[in-house]
């Protein structure tokens, strides 16, 4: 079996997964897993990117011990970046995390230079405080000299470069920046100039499937492995996840990638940066084969991940399955929060913040089960509302909702989403992001012809669980 190595990094953990086709099905094997958490550095929230580079090196060594991959690809979360001085493979400083508060008040500064509606019309990117455009404006306000002397790479490209790869940035991740012309799929130099950002700050753009160079000779020798080729995959994790949606109808479909974030939308051939889409907070990000991920951001598993962490700190170590069991015993549709609210963006004391938010509009959840049930019901309601908005924007009804990613393991949540939306939920595969990463490498290698062939392979390889709406619960959601 010809195998490929996918590095899939989320905002809380990362994995190295070997995959390839065996007996007509895609087979996966996890060879390394590691934590990833932002840390406070002088009052700022930053990523330990050198530590992540070292974990990837460990994953490469373990991958060769388990097999012989023909290439590797890296996907991560979007918007964040590292700065490099000319000729150096080490960043000038640890990258800020998107949860750092330096952008809290920067949007008015940016909008004074490029009005909000124009920025959306040209880039198609949902207005969110952590977008790269606002991070860079905040960086320029704080430390303009550093930006004049450096070039940035988004995190997956920075990691590839630190391992010995090429110095360029891949389109799907760069599209999350709010600085790409959505239609031309190139940097919007006019916006960049008007924002006062130096053009030298911006690297060359490449499309998924491009060569990303190879593992550096010195590192390869130290690891005792060949110079493994690096492929630019859909390096934004949601781009990879959407590539793994097992829809083979050839029709436009609705999807949600459910992990730390819940990204709900549809795959389009061209962007849809209309005033109505802007008002609805829908974004136009890049996908494989020059597709557009027309989607909206919802706070996803982050809400109960942070609750679990808070309870662990208090000495109560609940597993996710135990949290769901407690939630299932609680009364349905009693509490509600807005999962899209920026009040939940930062880490810390999440159970209390959820309880306080619910109390402002109704009853206050007190127990762990009630808090998790509040999150589940609120997410289901939010998905229903956003799906209806998507349908209105696209002028169509979707017969089902595909959900992929680790969040589908919350079976009660999947059922509640189906109940709320009134349509079947098709849940799977779990490892969608890593699968999409592998698929991009296989397309680049010529083992798969195109994205349609890749999705047919996914459909043939992984079980999809169908959840159907329960009439009584749908009526209760409609009344709530």
Foldseek 3Di string as FASTA:
>chain_A
DAWEWEWEEEQFKIWIKIWDDDPLAIDIDTQAMGTWHFDDDPNFTFTPLVVVLVRVLVSVLSVVVVHAHQAYEAAYAAQWKFKDFPPDLDGPDTIGDLLTCLQVPQVVVLCVLPNPLRLCLFLQAFDDSSANVSVVLSCCVVPVVSQVRIAMEISRLSSLVSQPWDPAYEQQRVSSRSQAGQFVSHGPVVSCVSSVGDPRRHGHYDYFLDWGHWGDPVSCVVSVHPGHTYGHFSRNLVLQLVLQQLDQPPDWAWEWEADQKTKTFIKAQGRDSDPLLRVLRWGWGAHHPRITGTTHIFRHCVLVVLVQVVVVVVVHRDDPVNLLVLLVPDDAPQWEAGRRDCVSSHHDDRLVVQQVRRVVPHHGDDDSNSSVNRVLLHVLLNLLVSQVSNCVSVVHHHQEYEYEEQVVVSVVSLQSNQQQNQHKYWYDDHPSSSLSSRLSNCCSVVVAVGSSRSSNSSVVHDHIDIHHHDPVSSVVSVVD
